[in-house]
């Protein structure tokens, strides 16, 4: 049976993958709660069951992360906001009715 999923551009895929890694790092550093992380994944387009299973996997993988400077933290949070805006803009742009 052929796959009927939508084709996405390489740029969108790369930014979505990068956003997923940033969300994962924020969760591991305990900057985001479980509910916030699940809702972020849902906004990216994951189903609720997949988002919950990803968060549960990340809980198990939690380990000692190397210390982070304040500058790196601000950069990561700024990057997260920028990527979230891009992904949301692309998702809403496809549904826009003219």
N, C-alpha and C. Protein backbone atom coordinates (compact mmCIF):
# COMPACT_ATOMS: atom_id res chain seq x y z
N UNK A 1 0.84 -1.17 0.00
CA UNK A 1 0.00 0.00 0.00
C UNK A 1 0.89 1.24 0.00
N UNK A 2 0.65 2.18 -0.88
CA UNK A 2 1.49 3.38 -0.95
C UNK A 2 1.30 4.29 0.26
N UNK A 3 2.36 5.01 0.57
CA UNK A 3 2.31 5.98 1.67
C UNK A 3 1.59 7.22 1.18
N UNK A 4 0.58 7.65 1.93
CA UNK A 4 -0.19 8.82 1.54
C UNK A 4 0.15 10.03 2.39
N UNK A 5 1.31 10.01 3.06
CA UNK A 5 1.74 11.14 3.87
C UNK A 5 2.16 12.30 3.00
N UNK A 6 2.24 13.46 3.60
CA UNK A 6 2.63 14.64 2.86
C UNK A 6 4.15 14.70 2.71
N UNK A 7 4.59 15.23 1.61
CA UNK A 7 6.01 15.41 1.37
C UNK A 7 6.40 16.75 1.99
N UNK A 8 7.51 16.77 2.72
CA UNK A 8 7.95 18.02 3.33
C UNK A 8 9.30 18.41 2.74
N UNK A 9 9.58 19.69 2.75
CA UNK A 9 10.84 20.17 2.21
C UNK A 9 11.99 19.78 3.12
N UNK A 10 13.18 19.77 2.56
CA UNK A 10 14.37 19.41 3.33
C UNK A 10 14.60 20.41 4.46
N UNK A 11 14.39 21.68 4.21
CA UNK A 11 14.58 22.71 5.23
C UNK A 11 13.62 22.51 6.39
N UNK A 12 12.36 22.26 6.08
CA UNK A 12 11.36 22.04 7.12
C UNK A 12 11.71 20.82 7.95
N UNK A 13 12.13 19.74 7.29
CA UNK A 13 12.50 18.52 8.00
C UNK A 13 13.69 18.76 8.93
N UNK A 14 14.70 19.48 8.44
CA UNK A 14 15.88 19.75 9.26
C UNK A 14 15.53 20.61 10.47
N UNK A 15 14.71 21.63 10.27
CA UNK A 15 14.33 22.49 11.39
C UNK A 15 13.44 21.75 12.38
N UNK A 16 12.57 20.89 11.89
CA UNK A 16 11.73 20.12 12.78
C UNK A 16 12.57 19.14 13.60
N UNK A 17 13.56 18.53 12.97
CA UNK A 17 14.46 17.61 13.69
C UNK A 17 15.28 18.35 14.73
N UNK A 18 15.74 19.54 14.37
CA UNK A 18 16.52 20.35 15.32
C UNK A 18 15.66 20.77 16.50
N UNK A 19 14.40 21.14 16.23
CA UNK A 19 13.48 21.53 17.30
C UNK A 19 13.22 20.34 18.23
N UNK A 20 13.10 19.16 17.67
CA UNK A 20 12.89 17.96 18.49
C UNK A 20 14.07 17.74 19.44
N UNK A 21 15.29 17.94 18.95
CA UNK A 21 16.48 17.78 19.79
C UNK A 21 16.54 18.85 20.88
N UNK A 22 16.15 20.08 20.54
CA UNK A 22 16.16 21.17 21.52
C UNK A 22 15.12 20.92 22.61
N UNK A 23 13.94 20.44 22.22
CA UNK A 23 12.90 20.12 23.20
C UNK A 23 13.37 19.00 24.11
N UNK A 24 14.01 18.00 23.53
CA UNK A 24 14.52 16.88 24.31
C UNK A 24 15.56 17.37 25.32
N UNK A 25 16.47 18.23 24.89
CA UNK A 25 17.48 18.75 25.80
C UNK A 25 16.86 19.59 26.91
N UNK A 26 15.88 20.41 26.57
CA UNK A 26 15.20 21.21 27.59
C UNK A 26 14.49 20.33 28.61
N UNK A 27 13.90 19.25 28.13
CA UNK A 27 13.23 18.33 29.05
C UNK A 27 14.24 17.63 29.96
N UNK A 28 15.34 17.21 29.38
CA UNK A 28 16.36 16.53 30.18
C UNK A 28 16.98 17.45 31.21
N UNK A 29 17.06 18.74 30.90
CA UNK A 29 17.61 19.71 31.84
C UNK A 29 16.54 20.21 32.82
N UNK A 30 15.36 19.62 32.74
CA UNK A 30 14.24 19.91 33.62
C UNK A 30 13.77 21.36 33.54
N UNK A 31 13.87 21.93 32.36
CA UNK A 31 13.35 23.27 32.11
C UNK A 31 11.90 23.22 31.66
N UNK A 32 11.46 22.02 31.23
CA UNK A 32 10.09 21.82 30.79
C UNK A 32 9.50 20.67 31.58
N UNK A 33 8.22 20.79 31.93
CA UNK A 33 7.54 19.70 32.62
C UNK A 33 7.08 18.68 31.58
N UNK A 34 6.57 17.58 32.06
CA UNK A 34 6.08 16.52 31.18
C UNK A 34 4.92 17.04 30.32
N UNK A 35 4.01 17.77 30.94
CA UNK A 35 2.85 18.28 30.21
C UNK A 35 3.26 19.29 29.14
N UNK A 36 4.21 20.18 29.47
CA UNK A 36 4.70 21.15 28.49
C UNK A 36 5.38 20.45 27.32
N UNK A 37 6.15 19.42 27.62
CA UNK A 37 6.86 18.69 26.58
C UNK A 37 5.89 17.97 25.65
N UNK A 38 4.89 17.34 26.24
CA UNK A 38 3.89 16.64 25.42
C UNK A 38 3.13 17.63 24.54
N UNK A 39 2.77 18.78 25.09
CA UNK A 39 2.04 19.76 24.27
C UNK A 39 2.92 20.33 23.17
N UNK A 40 4.22 20.49 23.43
CA UNK A 40 5.13 20.95 22.39
C UNK A 40 5.23 19.94 21.26
N UNK A 41 5.31 18.67 21.62
CA UNK A 41 5.36 17.63 20.59
C UNK A 41 4.05 17.55 19.82
N UNK A 42 2.93 17.76 20.51
CA UNK A 42 1.64 17.77 19.83
C UNK A 42 1.55 18.92 18.83
N UNK A 43 2.10 20.08 19.19
CA UNK A 43 2.10 21.23 18.27
C UNK A 43 2.94 20.94 17.03
N UNK A 44 3.97 20.11 17.20
CA UNK A 44 4.82 19.75 16.07
C UNK A 44 4.13 18.78 15.11
N UNK A 45 3.04 18.12 15.60
CA UNK A 45 2.32 17.23 14.72
C UNK A 45 2.31 15.78 15.18
N UNK A 46 2.91 15.48 16.32
CA UNK A 46 2.89 14.11 16.84
C UNK A 46 1.52 13.82 17.45
N UNK A 47 1.11 12.57 17.37
CA UNK A 47 -0.14 12.19 18.04
C UNK A 47 0.12 12.13 19.53
N UNK A 48 -0.95 12.11 20.31
CA UNK A 48 -0.79 12.11 21.76
C UNK A 48 -0.06 10.87 22.26
N UNK A 49 -0.39 9.72 21.70
CA UNK A 49 0.25 8.48 22.16
C UNK A 49 1.74 8.46 21.83
N UNK A 50 2.11 8.95 20.65
CA UNK A 50 3.52 9.00 20.27
C UNK A 50 4.27 10.01 21.13
N UNK A 51 3.65 11.15 21.40
CA UNK A 51 4.29 12.17 22.24
C UNK A 51 4.52 11.63 23.65
N UNK A 52 3.55 10.92 24.20
CA UNK A 52 3.70 10.36 25.54
C UNK A 52 4.80 9.31 25.56
N UNK A 53 4.86 8.47 24.53
CA UNK A 53 5.89 7.44 24.51
C UNK A 53 7.29 8.05 24.37
N UNK A 54 7.41 9.12 23.57
CA UNK A 54 8.71 9.80 23.44
C UNK A 54 9.15 10.39 24.78
N UNK A 55 8.24 11.03 25.47
CA UNK A 55 8.57 11.65 26.76
C UNK A 55 8.96 10.56 27.77
N UNK A 56 8.26 9.45 27.75
CA UNK A 56 8.61 8.35 28.65
C UNK A 56 10.00 7.79 28.34
N UNK A 57 10.35 7.70 27.06
CA UNK A 57 11.70 7.27 26.67
C UNK A 57 12.74 8.26 27.18
N UNK A 58 12.44 9.55 27.06
CA UNK A 58 13.38 10.57 27.50
C UNK A 58 13.55 10.56 29.01
N UNK A 59 12.49 10.22 29.74
CA UNK A 59 12.59 10.12 31.20
C UNK A 59 13.60 9.05 31.58
N UNK A 60 13.54 7.92 30.89
CA UNK A 60 14.44 6.81 31.17
C UNK A 60 15.88 7.19 30.84
N UNK A 61 16.09 7.97 29.78
CA UNK A 61 17.42 8.33 29.32
C UNK A 61 18.05 9.47 30.09
N UNK A 62 17.32 10.06 31.01
CA UNK A 62 17.88 11.18 31.77
C UNK A 62 19.18 10.77 32.41
N UNK A 63 20.17 11.59 32.25
CA UNK A 63 21.46 11.31 32.85
C UNK A 63 22.10 12.60 33.30
N UNK A 64 23.31 12.50 33.69
CA UNK A 64 24.03 13.70 34.10
C UNK A 64 24.47 14.46 32.86
N UNK A 65 23.96 15.64 32.71
CA UNK A 65 24.35 16.49 31.59
C UNK A 65 25.47 17.41 32.04
N UNK A 66 26.32 17.75 31.11
CA UNK A 66 27.40 18.66 31.46
C UNK A 66 26.85 20.04 31.78
N UNK A 67 27.51 20.76 32.67
CA UNK A 67 27.01 22.10 33.04
C UNK A 67 26.96 23.03 31.82
N UNK A 68 26.04 23.96 31.90
CA UNK A 68 25.79 24.85 30.78
C UNK A 68 25.92 26.29 31.26
N UNK A 69 26.58 27.11 30.47
CA UNK A 69 26.71 28.51 30.85
C UNK A 69 25.39 29.23 30.58
N UNK A 70 25.24 30.38 31.19
CA UNK A 70 24.03 31.17 30.99
C UNK A 70 23.88 31.60 29.53
N UNK A 71 25.01 31.88 28.89
CA UNK A 71 24.99 32.28 27.49
C UNK A 71 24.46 31.14 26.61
N UNK A 72 24.91 29.91 26.87
CA UNK A 72 24.44 28.76 26.10
C UNK A 72 22.95 28.51 26.33
N UNK A 73 22.51 28.71 27.57
CA UNK A 73 21.10 28.50 27.90
C UNK A 73 20.23 29.51 27.15
N UNK A 74 20.64 30.78 27.15
CA UNK A 74 19.86 31.80 26.44
C UNK A 74 19.84 31.52 24.95
N UNK A 75 20.98 31.08 24.39
CA UNK A 75 21.05 30.78 22.97
C UNK A 75 20.11 29.64 22.62
N UNK A 76 20.10 28.58 23.45
CA UNK A 76 19.24 27.43 23.20
C UNK A 76 17.77 27.81 23.29
N UNK A 77 17.39 28.60 24.29
CA UNK A 77 16.00 29.02 24.43
C UNK A 77 15.56 29.92 23.28
N UNK A 78 16.47 30.79 22.83
CA UNK A 78 16.16 31.65 21.70
C UNK A 78 16.00 30.82 20.42
N UNK A 79 16.86 29.83 20.25
CA UNK A 79 16.78 28.95 19.10
C UNK A 79 15.48 28.15 19.12
N UNK A 80 15.08 27.69 20.31
CA UNK A 80 13.84 26.94 20.46
C UNK A 80 12.63 27.78 20.04
N UNK A 81 12.60 29.03 20.52
CA UNK A 81 11.49 29.92 20.17
C UNK A 81 11.45 30.18 18.66
N UNK A 82 12.61 30.38 18.07
CA UNK A 82 12.68 30.64 16.64
C UNK A 82 12.20 29.43 15.83
N UNK A 83 12.65 28.25 16.21
CA UNK A 83 12.24 27.03 15.50
C UNK A 83 10.76 26.75 15.68
N UNK A 84 10.23 26.98 16.89
CA UNK A 84 8.79 26.78 17.12
C UNK A 84 7.98 27.72 16.25
N UNK A 85 8.41 28.98 16.15
CA UNK A 85 7.69 29.94 15.30
C UNK A 85 7.71 29.50 13.84
N UNK A 86 8.86 29.01 13.38
CA UNK A 86 8.97 28.56 11.99
C UNK A 86 8.05 27.38 11.72
N UNK A 87 8.10 26.36 12.60
CA UNK A 87 7.28 25.17 12.40
C UNK A 87 5.80 25.53 12.45
N UNK A 88 5.40 26.36 13.41
CA UNK A 88 3.99 26.78 13.49
C UNK A 88 3.57 27.57 12.27
N UNK A 89 4.43 28.45 11.80
CA UNK A 89 4.11 29.26 10.62
C UNK A 89 3.93 28.36 9.39
N UNK A 90 4.80 27.36 9.25
CA UNK A 90 4.69 26.46 8.11
C UNK A 90 3.43 25.59 8.19
N UNK A 91 3.11 25.11 9.39
CA UNK A 91 1.91 24.27 9.55
C UNK A 91 0.64 25.09 9.31
N UNK A 92 0.60 26.31 9.82
CA UNK A 92 -0.59 27.14 9.63
C UNK A 92 -0.68 27.66 8.21
N UNK A 93 0.46 27.87 7.57
CA UNK A 93 0.46 28.36 6.20
C UNK A 93 -0.17 27.38 5.24
N UNK A 94 -0.06 26.09 5.53
CA UNK A 94 -0.65 25.08 4.67
C UNK A 94 -2.16 25.05 4.79
N UNK A 95 -2.68 25.47 5.95
CA UNK A 95 -4.12 25.41 6.20
C UNK A 95 -4.82 26.75 5.93
N UNK A 96 -4.07 27.77 5.62
CA UNK A 96 -4.64 29.11 5.47
C UNK A 96 -5.66 29.13 4.33
N UNK A 97 -6.78 29.70 4.62
CA UNK A 97 -7.85 29.80 3.62
C UNK A 97 -7.86 31.23 3.09
N UNK A 98 -7.84 31.37 1.79
CA UNK A 98 -7.84 32.70 1.18
C UNK A 98 -9.18 33.03 0.60
